Amino acid sequence: MKTILAIETSVSSASIALEHNGSLTQLDFESQRQQNQLLFEPLKKLLADCSSIDTILVGTGPGSYSGARIAIAAAHGLATVHQAQTAGVCSFYATELEDPANAIAVGDARRGSYFIYPLIEAALVPSPELMSEEVFKERLDALTDKDLFTFETQNEIPYPNVSLRRPTASALISYWKKLTHQEQVELYQIPLEPLYLRAPFITKSTKPHPLLGK
């Protein structure tokens, strides 16, 4: 039986999980934007009795950019040591969904926009649909037959038909095992990178760097 390690740090309620010798163990910790400090001690504890890893899964978000980036860095390092394969999976699939085909993730995309994200095959992750808050509310009212969920707090997305969920590393493994071999192969071939709702916003300095002059 293959040994699978999963790392889900795209949200503050982070977790890592290991399926080894037929048993699944998950460790949870609150990252609070300190994944670079808090991830490695749980990893060390979880892997203490594990001599080899076959597959390393990373929840790629969307969510905390630094969280996903630290998870990817850790996955690359462990993959080199264990000669393991790596795969990134959208964190929306790591929520133990009963029917992914009927599920839609929604949330605040920041900068005055909101997103609606229908879940389809993991290997074919769609681009999120961004819209204004007014359109967002109208769309939610029309999606009463769908399983709507969010990673936001209920204060941020205060709609009664939207449930609050958190991705977990063990659910990431569970979802991975439901994929076909071909779907898994396709994900192995995609380089690990954080999943963005939109292109990163880069603030440009109004003053030149003192070493560069005008």
N, C-alpha and C. Protein backbone atom coordinates (compact mmCIF):
# COMPACT_ATOMS: atom_id res chain seq x y z
N MET A 1 0.83 -1.19 0.00
CA MET A 1 0.00 0.00 0.00
C MET A 1 0.87 1.24 0.00
N LYS A 2 0.54 2.22 -0.85
CA LYS A 2 1.34 3.43 -0.96
C LYS A 2 1.17 4.34 0.25
N THR A 3 2.25 5.03 0.57
CA THR A 3 2.23 6.00 1.65
C THR A 3 1.97 7.38 1.07
N ILE A 4 0.95 8.06 1.58
CA ILE A 4 0.55 9.36 1.05
C ILE A 4 0.63 10.40 2.16
N LEU A 5 1.32 11.49 1.88
CA LEU A 5 1.37 12.64 2.78
C LEU A 5 0.58 13.78 2.16
N ALA A 6 -0.24 14.46 2.97
CA ALA A 6 -1.01 15.61 2.48
C ALA A 6 -0.74 16.81 3.38
N ILE A 7 -0.60 17.98 2.76
CA ILE A 7 -0.36 19.22 3.48
C ILE A 7 -1.41 20.24 3.07
N GLU A 8 -2.17 20.73 4.03
CA GLU A 8 -3.22 21.72 3.76
C GLU A 8 -3.01 22.93 4.66
N THR A 9 -2.36 23.95 4.13
CA THR A 9 -2.07 25.15 4.91
C THR A 9 -2.57 26.41 4.22
N SER A 10 -3.56 26.27 3.36
CA SER A 10 -4.09 27.44 2.65
C SER A 10 -5.05 28.24 3.52
N VAL A 11 -5.45 27.67 4.67
CA VAL A 11 -6.30 28.38 5.63
C VAL A 11 -5.61 28.36 6.98
N SER A 12 -6.05 29.23 7.91
CA SER A 12 -5.39 29.32 9.21
C SER A 12 -5.54 28.04 10.03
N SER A 13 -6.68 27.34 9.86
CA SER A 13 -6.87 26.05 10.54
C SER A 13 -6.18 24.98 9.71
N ALA A 14 -4.86 24.93 9.80
CA ALA A 14 -4.06 24.07 8.94
C ALA A 14 -4.03 22.63 9.45
N SER A 15 -3.63 21.72 8.55
CA SER A 15 -3.52 20.31 8.94
C SER A 15 -2.57 19.58 8.00
N ILE A 16 -2.00 18.51 8.50
CA ILE A 16 -1.22 17.59 7.69
C ILE A 16 -1.71 16.19 8.01
N ALA A 17 -1.62 15.29 7.03
CA ALA A 17 -2.12 13.94 7.24
C ALA A 17 -1.21 12.94 6.54
N LEU A 18 -1.14 11.75 7.11
CA LEU A 18 -0.31 10.68 6.55
C LEU A 18 -1.11 9.38 6.53
N GLU A 19 -1.20 8.78 5.35
CA GLU A 19 -1.77 7.44 5.23
C GLU A 19 -0.61 6.48 5.07
N HIS A 20 -0.41 5.64 6.08
CA HIS A 20 0.77 4.78 6.12
C HIS A 20 0.40 3.45 6.75
N ASN A 21 0.76 2.37 6.08
CA ASN A 21 0.47 1.02 6.58
C ASN A 21 -1.01 0.82 6.88
N GLY A 22 -1.86 1.39 6.04
CA GLY A 22 -3.29 1.18 6.17
C GLY A 22 -3.99 2.06 7.18
N SER A 23 -3.27 2.95 7.85
CA SER A 23 -3.91 3.85 8.83
C SER A 23 -3.70 5.30 8.41
N LEU A 24 -4.66 6.14 8.80
CA LEU A 24 -4.62 7.56 8.45
C LEU A 24 -4.52 8.39 9.73
N THR A 25 -3.52 9.24 9.80
CA THR A 25 -3.30 10.11 10.95
C THR A 25 -3.28 11.56 10.50
N GLN A 26 -4.00 12.42 11.22
CA GLN A 26 -4.01 13.84 10.90
C GLN A 26 -3.60 14.65 12.12
N LEU A 27 -2.78 15.67 11.89
CA LEU A 27 -2.40 16.61 12.93
C LEU A 27 -2.90 17.99 12.53
N ASP A 28 -3.59 18.67 13.44
CA ASP A 28 -4.14 20.00 13.17
C ASP A 28 -3.35 21.05 13.95
N PHE A 29 -3.25 22.23 13.39
CA PHE A 29 -2.62 23.34 14.09
C PHE A 29 -3.11 24.65 13.51
N GLU A 30 -3.11 25.68 14.33
CA GLU A 30 -3.51 27.01 13.90
C GLU A 30 -2.28 27.74 13.39
N SER A 31 -2.30 28.09 12.11
CA SER A 31 -1.11 28.69 11.51
C SER A 31 -1.05 30.20 11.72
N GLN A 32 -2.20 30.88 11.58
CA GLN A 32 -2.25 32.33 11.78
C GLN A 32 -1.13 33.05 11.05
N ARG A 33 -0.97 32.72 9.76
CA ARG A 33 0.03 33.36 8.89
C ARG A 33 1.47 33.08 9.34
N GLN A 34 1.68 32.01 10.11
CA GLN A 34 3.03 31.66 10.55
C GLN A 34 3.38 30.23 10.13
N GLN A 35 2.93 29.85 8.93
CA GLN A 35 3.16 28.48 8.47
C GLN A 35 4.65 28.15 8.40
N ASN A 36 5.47 29.15 8.04
CA ASN A 36 6.90 28.90 7.93
C ASN A 36 7.53 28.53 9.27
N GLN A 37 6.88 28.90 10.37
CA GLN A 37 7.39 28.56 11.69
C GLN A 37 6.70 27.33 12.29
N LEU A 38 5.43 27.12 11.94
CA LEU A 38 4.62 26.13 12.63
C LEU A 38 4.43 24.81 11.87
N LEU A 39 4.77 24.77 10.60
CA LEU A 39 4.52 23.57 9.81
C LEU A 39 5.50 22.44 10.13
N PHE A 40 6.74 22.76 10.38
CA PHE A 40 7.77 21.72 10.35
C PHE A 40 7.81 20.85 11.60
N GLU A 41 7.42 21.37 12.73
CA GLU A 41 7.36 20.53 13.94
C GLU A 41 6.29 19.44 13.81
N PRO A 42 5.06 19.77 13.37
CA PRO A 42 4.08 18.70 13.13
C PRO A 42 4.54 17.70 12.06
N LEU A 43 5.21 18.20 11.01
CA LEU A 43 5.72 17.30 9.97
C LEU A 43 6.74 16.32 10.56
N LYS A 44 7.63 16.84 11.37
CA LYS A 44 8.64 16.00 12.00
C LYS A 44 7.98 14.92 12.85
N LYS A 45 6.96 15.29 13.61
CA LYS A 45 6.26 14.34 14.47
C LYS A 45 5.51 13.30 13.65
N LEU A 46 4.84 13.76 12.59
CA LEU A 46 4.03 12.84 11.78
C LEU A 46 4.89 11.83 11.02
N LEU A 47 6.08 12.26 10.60
CA LEU A 47 6.94 11.40 9.78
C LEU A 47 7.98 10.65 10.59
N ALA A 48 7.89 10.71 11.91
CA ALA A 48 8.91 10.11 12.77
C ALA A 48 9.11 8.62 12.49
N ASP A 49 8.05 7.90 12.23
CA ASP A 49 8.14 6.45 12.01
C ASP A 49 7.90 6.07 10.56
N CYS A 50 8.06 7.03 9.66
CA CYS A 50 7.80 6.77 8.24
C CYS A 50 9.12 6.86 7.48
N SER A 51 9.53 5.76 6.88
CA SER A 51 10.83 5.73 6.19
C SER A 51 10.74 6.11 4.73
N SER A 52 9.56 6.08 4.15
CA SER A 52 9.42 6.41 2.74
C SER A 52 8.03 6.97 2.45
N ILE A 53 7.96 7.85 1.46
CA ILE A 53 6.70 8.45 1.02
C ILE A 53 6.59 8.26 -0.48
N ASP A 54 5.43 7.85 -0.95
CA ASP A 54 5.22 7.64 -2.39
C ASP A 54 4.62 8.87 -3.06
N THR A 55 3.64 9.50 -2.40
CA THR A 55 2.94 10.65 -2.98
C THR A 55 2.79 11.75 -1.94
N ILE A 56 3.02 12.98 -2.38
CA ILE A 56 2.82 14.14 -1.51
C ILE A 56 1.79 15.05 -2.16
N LEU A 57 0.69 15.29 -1.45
CA LEU A 57 -0.39 16.14 -1.94
C LEU A 57 -0.33 17.49 -1.25
N VAL A 58 -0.61 18.53 -2.00
CA VAL A 58 -0.62 19.89 -1.46
C VAL A 58 -1.94 20.55 -1.79
N GLY A 59 -2.61 21.09 -0.76
CA GLY A 59 -3.80 21.91 -1.00
C GLY A 59 -3.32 23.28 -1.49
N THR A 60 -3.61 23.60 -2.73
CA THR A 60 -3.03 24.80 -3.34
C THR A 60 -3.88 26.05 -3.19
N GLY A 61 -4.95 25.98 -2.39
CA GLY A 61 -5.81 27.14 -2.23
C GLY A 61 -6.98 27.09 -3.21
N PRO A 62 -7.60 28.23 -3.45
CA PRO A 62 -7.18 29.58 -3.07
C PRO A 62 -7.32 29.83 -1.57
N GLY A 63 -6.50 30.74 -1.10
CA GLY A 63 -6.46 31.05 0.32
C GLY A 63 -5.21 31.83 0.62
N SER A 64 -4.53 31.44 1.67
CA SER A 64 -3.31 32.11 2.06
C SER A 64 -2.20 31.80 1.06
N TYR A 65 -1.70 32.85 0.41
CA TYR A 65 -0.62 32.64 -0.56
C TYR A 65 0.63 32.12 0.12
N SER A 66 0.99 32.70 1.27
CA SER A 66 2.19 32.26 1.97
C SER A 66 2.02 30.83 2.49
N GLY A 67 0.79 30.49 2.92
CA GLY A 67 0.53 29.14 3.39
C GLY A 67 0.73 28.10 2.30
N ALA A 68 0.17 28.36 1.12
CA ALA A 68 0.33 27.43 0.01
C ALA A 68 1.78 27.36 -0.43
N ARG A 69 2.46 28.49 -0.41
CA ARG A 69 3.85 28.53 -0.86
C ARG A 69 4.76 27.72 0.07
N ILE A 70 4.54 27.84 1.39
CA ILE A 70 5.33 27.06 2.35
C ILE A 70 5.07 25.57 2.18
N ALA A 71 3.80 25.20 1.95
CA ALA A 71 3.46 23.80 1.75
C ALA A 71 4.16 23.25 0.50
N ILE A 72 4.19 24.05 -0.55
CA ILE A 72 4.83 23.63 -1.79
C ILE A 72 6.33 23.46 -1.59
N ALA A 73 6.95 24.40 -0.87
CA ALA A 73 8.39 24.30 -0.60
C ALA A 73 8.71 23.04 0.21
N ALA A 74 7.88 22.76 1.23
CA ALA A 74 8.08 21.56 2.03
C ALA A 74 7.90 20.30 1.20
N ALA A 75 6.90 20.31 0.32
CA ALA A 75 6.63 19.15 -0.54
C ALA A 75 7.81 18.89 -1.48
N HIS A 76 8.37 19.95 -2.05
CA HIS A 76 9.52 19.78 -2.95
C HIS A 76 10.71 19.17 -2.20
N GLY A 77 10.95 19.68 -0.99
CA GLY A 77 12.07 19.15 -0.21
C GLY A 77 11.89 17.69 0.15
N LEU A 78 10.70 17.34 0.63
CA LEU A 78 10.43 15.95 1.01
C LEU A 78 10.43 15.03 -0.21
N ALA A 79 9.94 15.54 -1.34
CA ALA A 79 9.91 14.73 -2.56
C ALA A 79 11.32 14.39 -3.02
N THR A 80 12.24 15.32 -2.85
CA THR A 80 13.63 15.07 -3.23
C THR A 80 14.23 13.98 -2.35
N VAL A 81 13.97 14.05 -1.05
CA VAL A 81 14.52 13.07 -0.11
C VAL A 81 13.93 11.68 -0.34
N HIS A 82 12.63 11.61 -0.55
CA HIS A 82 11.93 10.32 -0.63
C HIS A 82 11.69 9.86 -2.07
N GLN A 83 12.12 10.64 -3.04
CA GLN A 83 11.86 10.31 -4.45
C GLN A 83 10.36 10.10 -4.67
N ALA A 84 9.58 11.00 -4.08
CA ALA A 84 8.13 10.89 -4.14
C ALA A 84 7.56 11.75 -5.27
N GLN A 85 6.37 11.40 -5.71
CA GLN A 85 5.65 12.22 -6.68
C GLN A 85 4.83 13.27 -5.94
N THR A 86 4.65 14.42 -6.56
CA THR A 86 3.88 15.49 -5.94
C THR A 86 2.69 15.86 -6.82
N ALA A 87 1.63 16.32 -6.16
CA ALA A 87 0.44 16.77 -6.89
C ALA A 87 -0.26 17.85 -6.10
N GLY A 88 -0.67 18.89 -6.79
CA GLY A 88 -1.44 19.95 -6.16
C GLY A 88 -2.91 19.78 -6.46
N VAL A 89 -3.74 19.99 -5.45
CA VAL A 89 -5.19 19.86 -5.61
C VAL A 89 -5.84 21.11 -5.03
N CYS A 90 -6.76 21.69 -5.77
CA CYS A 90 -7.52 22.84 -5.29
C CYS A 90 -8.14 22.51 -3.92
N SER A 91 -7.94 23.38 -2.96
CA SER A 91 -8.39 23.11 -1.59
C SER A 91 -9.91 23.01 -1.47
N PHE A 92 -10.64 23.51 -2.43
CA PHE A 92 -12.10 23.38 -2.39
C PHE A 92 -12.54 21.92 -2.43
N TYR A 93 -11.68 21.05 -2.97
CA TYR A 93 -12.02 19.63 -3.05
C TYR A 93 -11.69 18.89 -1.75
N ALA A 94 -11.02 19.56 -0.82
CA ALA A 94 -10.59 18.91 0.42
C ALA A 94 -11.58 19.16 1.55
N THR A 95 -12.87 19.06 1.26
CA THR A 95 -13.90 19.38 2.26
C THR A 95 -14.93 18.25 2.41
N GLU A 96 -14.59 17.03 1.99
CA GLU A 96 -15.49 15.88 2.12
C GLU A 96 -16.85 16.17 1.49
N LEU A 97 -16.86 16.61 0.26
CA LEU A 97 -18.11 16.93 -0.43
C LEU A 97 -18.87 15.66 -0.78
N GLU A 98 -20.17 15.66 -0.53
CA GLU A 98 -20.99 14.50 -0.87
C GLU A 98 -21.16 14.38 -2.38
N ASP A 99 -21.33 15.51 -3.04
CA ASP A 99 -21.54 15.51 -4.50
C ASP A 99 -20.81 16.70 -5.10
N PRO A 100 -19.52 16.54 -5.45
CA PRO A 100 -18.76 17.67 -6.00
C PRO A 100 -19.40 18.30 -7.22
N ALA A 101 -20.11 17.51 -8.02
CA ALA A 101 -20.73 18.05 -9.23
C ALA A 101 -21.83 19.06 -8.92
N ASN A 102 -22.38 18.99 -7.67
CA ASN A 102 -23.44 19.92 -7.29
C ASN A 102 -22.94 21.02 -6.36
N ALA A 103 -21.62 21.03 -6.11
CA ALA A 103 -21.05 21.98 -5.14
C ALA A 103 -20.46 23.20 -5.83
N ILE A 104 -20.62 24.35 -5.20
CA ILE A 104 -20.06 25.60 -5.71
C ILE A 104 -19.43 26.35 -4.54
N ALA A 105 -18.16 26.67 -4.68
CA ALA A 105 -17.47 27.48 -3.67
C ALA A 105 -17.67 28.96 -4.00
N VAL A 106 -17.90 29.75 -2.97
CA VAL A 106 -18.11 31.19 -3.17
C VAL A 106 -17.29 31.93 -2.12
N GLY A 107 -17.04 33.22 -2.38
CA GLY A 107 -16.31 33.98 -1.39
C GLY A 107 -15.92 35.37 -1.85
N ASP A 108 -15.19 36.03 -1.00
CA ASP A 108 -14.74 37.40 -1.23
C ASP A 108 -13.38 37.35 -1.92
N ALA A 109 -13.30 37.90 -3.13
CA ALA A 109 -12.05 37.93 -3.88
C ALA A 109 -11.24 39.18 -3.60
N ARG A 110 -11.73 40.00 -2.66
CA ARG A 110 -11.08 41.23 -2.26
C ARG A 110 -11.11 42.27 -3.40
N ARG A 111 -10.68 43.46 -3.06
CA ARG A 111 -10.66 44.58 -4.00
C ARG A 111 -12.05 44.81 -4.63
N GLY A 112 -13.11 44.64 -3.82
CA GLY A 112 -14.44 44.96 -4.27
C GLY A 112 -15.11 43.93 -5.16
N SER A 113 -14.58 42.72 -5.21
CA SER A 113 -15.18 41.70 -6.06
C SER A 113 -15.38 40.40 -5.28
N TYR A 114 -16.29 39.57 -5.79
CA TYR A 114 -16.62 38.29 -5.20
C TYR A 114 -16.51 37.21 -6.27
N PHE A 115 -16.43 35.95 -5.83
CA PHE A 115 -16.27 34.89 -6.82
C PHE A 115 -17.28 33.77 -6.63
N ILE A 116 -17.56 33.09 -7.73
CA ILE A 116 -18.36 31.87 -7.75
C ILE A 116 -17.53 30.83 -8.50
N TYR A 117 -17.37 29.67 -7.91
CA TYR A 117 -16.41 28.69 -8.40
C TYR A 117 -17.04 27.29 -8.46
N PRO A 118 -17.66 26.90 -9.58
CA PRO A 118 -18.23 25.56 -9.70
C PRO A 118 -17.13 24.51 -9.67
N LEU A 119 -17.34 23.43 -8.95
CA LEU A 119 -16.35 22.36 -8.88
C LEU A 119 -16.58 21.35 -9.99
N ILE A 120 -15.51 21.09 -10.73
CA ILE A 120 -15.55 20.05 -11.77
C ILE A 120 -14.38 19.12 -11.52
N GLU A 121 -13.96 18.36 -12.56
CA GLU A 121 -12.84 17.45 -12.40
C GLU A 121 -11.61 18.20 -11.91
N ALA A 122 -10.88 17.59 -10.96
CA ALA A 122 -9.73 18.25 -10.35
C ALA A 122 -8.66 18.60 -11.37
N ALA A 123 -8.53 17.79 -12.40
CA ALA A 123 -7.50 18.04 -13.41
C ALA A 123 -7.88 19.18 -14.34
N LEU A 124 -9.12 19.64 -14.23
CA LEU A 124 -9.61 20.70 -15.12
C LEU A 124 -10.15 21.85 -14.30
N VAL A 125 -9.33 22.36 -13.39
CA VAL A 125 -9.77 23.44 -12.50
C VAL A 125 -10.12 24.67 -13.31
N PRO A 126 -11.35 25.18 -13.20
CA PRO A 126 -11.76 26.33 -14.00
C PRO A 126 -11.26 27.64 -13.41
N SER A 127 -11.33 28.68 -14.18
CA SER A 127 -11.02 30.00 -13.65
C SER A 127 -12.24 30.49 -12.87
N PRO A 128 -12.03 31.14 -11.75
CA PRO A 128 -13.17 31.63 -10.96
C PRO A 128 -13.89 32.74 -11.69
N GLU A 129 -15.17 32.83 -11.47
CA GLU A 129 -15.98 33.90 -12.07
C GLU A 129 -16.07 35.04 -11.06
N LEU A 130 -15.49 36.19 -11.40
CA LEU A 130 -15.48 37.34 -10.51
C LEU A 130 -16.60 38.31 -10.86
N MET A 131 -17.15 38.97 -9.84
CA MET A 131 -18.28 39.87 -10.07
C MET A 131 -18.41 40.84 -8.91
N SER A 132 -19.27 41.85 -9.10
CA SER A 132 -19.53 42.82 -8.04
C SER A 132 -20.38 42.18 -6.95
N GLU A 133 -20.46 42.84 -5.79
CA GLU A 133 -21.26 42.31 -4.69
C GLU A 133 -22.73 42.23 -5.07
N GLU A 134 -23.22 43.21 -5.80
CA GLU A 134 -24.63 43.22 -6.20
C GLU A 134 -24.95 42.01 -7.06
N VAL A 135 -24.12 41.75 -8.06
CA VAL A 135 -24.34 40.59 -8.94
C VAL A 135 -24.16 39.30 -8.14
N PHE A 136 -23.19 39.29 -7.25
CA PHE A 136 -22.92 38.12 -6.42
C PHE A 136 -24.16 37.72 -5.62
N LYS A 137 -24.80 38.69 -4.98
CA LYS A 137 -26.01 38.41 -4.20
C LYS A 137 -27.13 37.86 -5.07
N GLU A 138 -27.29 38.44 -6.27
CA GLU A 138 -28.32 37.98 -7.19
C GLU A 138 -28.06 36.54 -7.62
N ARG A 139 -26.80 36.22 -7.87
CA ARG A 139 -26.46 34.87 -8.31
C ARG A 139 -26.70 33.86 -7.19
N LEU A 140 -26.36 34.22 -5.97
CA LEU A 140 -26.58 33.31 -4.85
C LEU A 140 -28.06 33.01 -4.65
N ASP A 141 -28.89 34.03 -4.81
CA ASP A 141 -30.34 33.85 -4.67
C ASP A 141 -30.90 32.90 -5.72
N ALA A 142 -30.20 32.80 -6.86
CA ALA A 142 -30.67 31.94 -7.95
C ALA A 142 -30.08 30.52 -7.88
N LEU A 143 -29.20 30.28 -6.91
CA LEU A 143 -28.52 28.98 -6.83
C LEU A 143 -28.98 28.19 -5.61
N THR A 144 -30.26 28.25 -5.31
CA THR A 144 -30.79 27.59 -4.12
C THR A 144 -30.73 26.07 -4.21
N ASP A 145 -30.59 25.52 -5.41
CA ASP A 145 -30.55 24.07 -5.59
C ASP A 145 -29.13 23.52 -5.53
N LYS A 146 -28.14 24.40 -5.28
CA LYS A 146 -26.75 23.98 -5.25
C LYS A 146 -26.22 23.93 -3.81
N ASP A 147 -25.15 23.15 -3.64
CA ASP A 147 -24.47 23.07 -2.35
C ASP A 147 -23.43 24.19 -2.32
N LEU A 148 -23.80 25.34 -1.75
CA LEU A 148 -22.93 26.50 -1.71
C LEU A 148 -22.12 26.49 -0.41
N PHE A 149 -20.82 26.71 -0.52
CA PHE A 149 -19.99 26.77 0.68
C PHE A 149 -18.88 27.79 0.51
N THR A 150 -18.28 28.17 1.63
CA THR A 150 -17.23 29.18 1.61
C THR A 150 -16.19 28.87 2.67
N PHE A 151 -14.98 29.40 2.48
CA PHE A 151 -13.94 29.35 3.51
C PHE A 151 -13.95 30.61 4.36
N GLU A 152 -14.77 31.59 3.96
CA GLU A 152 -14.85 32.86 4.71
C GLU A 152 -15.61 32.64 6.02
N THR A 153 -15.59 33.65 6.88
CA THR A 153 -16.42 33.58 8.08
C THR A 153 -17.84 33.98 7.71
N GLN A 154 -18.78 33.66 8.55
CA GLN A 154 -20.16 34.03 8.28
C GLN A 154 -20.36 35.54 8.31
N ASN A 155 -19.48 36.25 9.00
CA ASN A 155 -19.57 37.71 8.97
C ASN A 155 -19.17 38.27 7.62
N GLU A 156 -18.24 37.59 6.95
CA GLU A 156 -17.78 38.06 5.64
C GLU A 156 -18.75 37.67 4.52
N ILE A 157 -19.36 36.50 4.64
CA ILE A 157 -20.35 36.03 3.66
C ILE A 157 -21.63 35.70 4.42
N PRO A 158 -22.43 36.71 4.81
CA PRO A 158 -23.58 36.48 5.69
C PRO A 158 -24.84 36.07 4.93
N TYR A 159 -24.79 34.93 4.25
CA TYR A 159 -25.96 34.47 3.51
C TYR A 159 -26.40 33.11 4.04
N PRO A 160 -27.68 32.94 4.32
CA PRO A 160 -28.16 31.73 4.99
C PRO A 160 -27.98 30.46 4.17
N ASN A 161 -27.91 30.57 2.83
CA ASN A 161 -27.80 29.37 2.01
C ASN A 161 -26.36 29.00 1.71
N VAL A 162 -25.39 29.65 2.38
CA VAL A 162 -23.98 29.34 2.19
C VAL A 162 -23.42 28.76 3.48
N SER A 163 -22.86 27.55 3.42
CA SER A 163 -22.30 26.91 4.61
C SER A 163 -20.80 27.20 4.72
N LEU A 164 -20.32 27.21 5.95
CA LEU A 164 -18.91 27.44 6.22
C LEU A 164 -18.19 26.10 6.34
N ARG A 165 -17.12 25.94 5.59
CA ARG A 165 -16.34 24.70 5.64
C ARG A 165 -14.86 25.02 5.72
N ARG A 166 -14.09 24.01 6.13
CA ARG A 166 -12.65 24.13 6.18
C ARG A 166 -12.02 22.92 5.49
N PRO A 167 -11.05 23.15 4.64
CA PRO A 167 -10.36 22.02 4.01
C PRO A 167 -9.46 21.32 5.02
N THR A 168 -9.29 20.02 4.89
CA THR A 168 -8.39 19.27 5.76
C THR A 168 -7.48 18.37 4.92
N ALA A 169 -6.34 18.05 5.50
CA ALA A 169 -5.39 17.20 4.79
C ALA A 169 -5.93 15.79 4.59
N SER A 170 -6.66 15.28 5.58
CA SER A 170 -7.22 13.93 5.44
C SER A 170 -8.27 13.89 4.34
N ALA A 171 -9.06 14.95 4.21
CA ALA A 171 -10.05 15.01 3.12
C ALA A 171 -9.36 15.11 1.77
N LEU A 172 -8.19 15.75 1.75
CA LEU A 172 -7.41 15.83 0.52
C LEU A 172 -7.00 14.43 0.06
N ILE A 173 -6.57 13.60 1.01
CA ILE A 173 -6.21 12.21 0.68
C ILE A 173 -7.44 11.44 0.22
N SER A 174 -8.56 11.63 0.93
CA SER A 174 -9.79 10.94 0.57
C SER A 174 -10.22 11.27 -0.85
N TYR A 175 -10.14 12.55 -1.20
CA TYR A 175 -10.52 12.96 -2.55
C TYR A 175 -9.56 12.38 -3.58
N TRP A 176 -8.28 12.39 -3.27
CA TRP A 176 -7.26 11.87 -4.20
C TRP A 176 -7.53 10.40 -4.54
N LYS A 177 -7.91 9.63 -3.55
CA LYS A 177 -8.12 8.20 -3.75
C LYS A 177 -9.37 7.90 -4.58
N LYS A 178 -10.26 8.90 -4.71
CA LYS A 178 -11.45 8.72 -5.54
C LYS A 178 -11.19 9.01 -7.01
N LEU A 179 -10.06 9.63 -7.30
CA LEU A 179 -9.73 9.96 -8.69
C LEU A 179 -9.31 8.71 -9.45
N THR A 180 -9.50 8.73 -10.75
CA THR A 180 -9.01 7.64 -11.57
C THR A 180 -7.49 7.73 -11.69
N HIS A 181 -6.88 6.65 -12.12
CA HIS A 181 -5.43 6.65 -12.29
C HIS A 181 -5.01 7.72 -13.29
N GLN A 182 -5.78 7.89 -14.36
CA GLN A 182 -5.44 8.89 -15.37
C GLN A 182 -5.54 10.31 -14.81
N GLU A 183 -6.54 10.57 -13.98
CA GLU A 183 -6.66 11.89 -13.35
C GLU A 183 -5.48 12.17 -12.44
N GLN A 184 -5.05 11.14 -11.71
CA GLN A 184 -3.90 11.31 -10.85
C GLN A 184 -2.64 11.59 -11.66
N VAL A 185 -2.47 10.89 -12.75
CA VAL A 185 -1.30 11.10 -13.61
C VAL A 185 -1.29 12.52 -14.15
N GLU A 186 -2.45 13.03 -14.55
CA GLU A 186 -2.54 14.39 -15.08
C GLU A 186 -2.12 15.42 -14.02
N LEU A 187 -2.51 15.18 -12.77
CA LEU A 187 -2.15 16.11 -11.71
C LEU A 187 -0.67 16.01 -11.35
N TYR A 188 -0.11 14.82 -11.45
CA TYR A 188 1.33 14.67 -11.22
C TYR A 188 2.14 15.53 -12.19
N GLN A 189 1.62 15.70 -13.38
CA GLN A 189 2.36 16.39 -14.44
C GLN A 189 2.27 17.92 -14.36
N ILE A 190 1.39 18.44 -13.49
CA ILE A 190 1.22 19.88 -13.35
C ILE A 190 2.14 20.40 -12.25
N PRO A 191 3.00 21.37 -12.53
CA PRO A 191 3.90 21.90 -11.50
C PRO A 191 3.11 22.47 -10.31
N LEU A 192 3.66 22.31 -9.13
CA LEU A 192 3.01 22.84 -7.93
C LEU A 192 3.08 24.36 -7.92
N GLU A 193 1.94 24.99 -7.75
CA GLU A 193 1.90 26.44 -7.61
C GLU A 193 0.59 26.84 -6.93
N PRO A 194 0.61 27.95 -6.17
CA PRO A 194 -0.63 28.38 -5.51
C PRO A 194 -1.71 28.70 -6.55
N LEU A 195 -2.96 28.45 -6.16
CA LEU A 195 -4.08 28.75 -7.04
C LEU A 195 -4.60 30.14 -6.73
N TYR A 196 -4.56 31.01 -7.72
CA TYR A 196 -4.98 32.39 -7.53
C TYR A 196 -6.42 32.60 -8.00
N LEU A 197 -7.17 33.40 -7.25
CA LEU A 197 -8.48 33.85 -7.72
C LEU A 197 -8.31 34.92 -8.79
N ARG A 198 -7.24 35.67 -8.67
CA ARG A 198 -6.93 36.73 -9.63
C ARG A 198 -5.43 36.95 -9.57
N ALA A 199 -4.91 37.68 -10.54
CA ALA A 199 -3.48 37.95 -10.56
C ALA A 199 -3.08 38.74 -9.32
N PRO A 200 -1.90 38.45 -8.74
CA PRO A 200 -1.46 39.16 -7.54
C PRO A 200 -1.38 40.66 -7.79
N PHE A 201 -1.75 41.43 -6.75
CA PHE A 201 -1.67 42.88 -6.86
C PHE A 201 -0.30 43.33 -6.37
N ILE A 202 0.43 44.01 -7.22
CA ILE A 202 1.78 44.45 -6.90
C ILE A 202 1.78 45.96 -6.76
N THR A 203 2.14 46.44 -5.58
CA THR A 203 2.21 47.87 -5.33
C THR A 203 3.53 48.42 -5.86
N LYS A 204 3.44 49.41 -6.71
CA LYS A 204 4.63 50.00 -7.29
C LYS A 204 5.08 51.18 -6.44
N SER A 205 6.35 51.25 -6.19
CA SER A 205 6.91 52.33 -5.40
C SER A 205 6.85 53.63 -6.17
N THR A 206 6.53 54.71 -5.47
CA THR A 206 6.48 56.02 -6.12
C THR A 206 7.84 56.71 -6.09
N LYS A 207 8.76 56.13 -5.30
CA LYS A 207 10.09 56.70 -5.20
C LYS A 207 11.12 55.70 -5.72
N PRO A 208 12.13 56.17 -6.44
CA PRO A 208 13.15 55.24 -6.95
C PRO A 208 14.01 54.70 -5.83
N HIS A 209 14.55 53.51 -6.02
CA HIS A 209 15.48 52.95 -5.04
C HIS A 209 16.74 53.83 -5.02
N PRO A 210 17.29 54.12 -3.82
CA PRO A 210 18.45 55.01 -3.73
C PRO A 210 19.66 54.53 -4.51
N LEU A 211 19.79 53.21 -4.74
CA LEU A 211 20.92 52.70 -5.50
C LEU A 211 20.72 52.75 -7.00
N LEU A 212 19.45 52.97 -7.39
CA LEU A 212 19.14 52.99 -8.82
C LEU A 212 19.04 54.41 -9.37
N GLY A 213 18.96 55.38 -8.50
CA GLY A 213 18.85 56.76 -8.94
C GLY A 213 17.47 57.05 -9.47
N LYS A 214 17.36 58.05 -10.31
CA LYS A 214 16.06 58.46 -10.86
C LYS A 214 15.60 57.50 -11.94
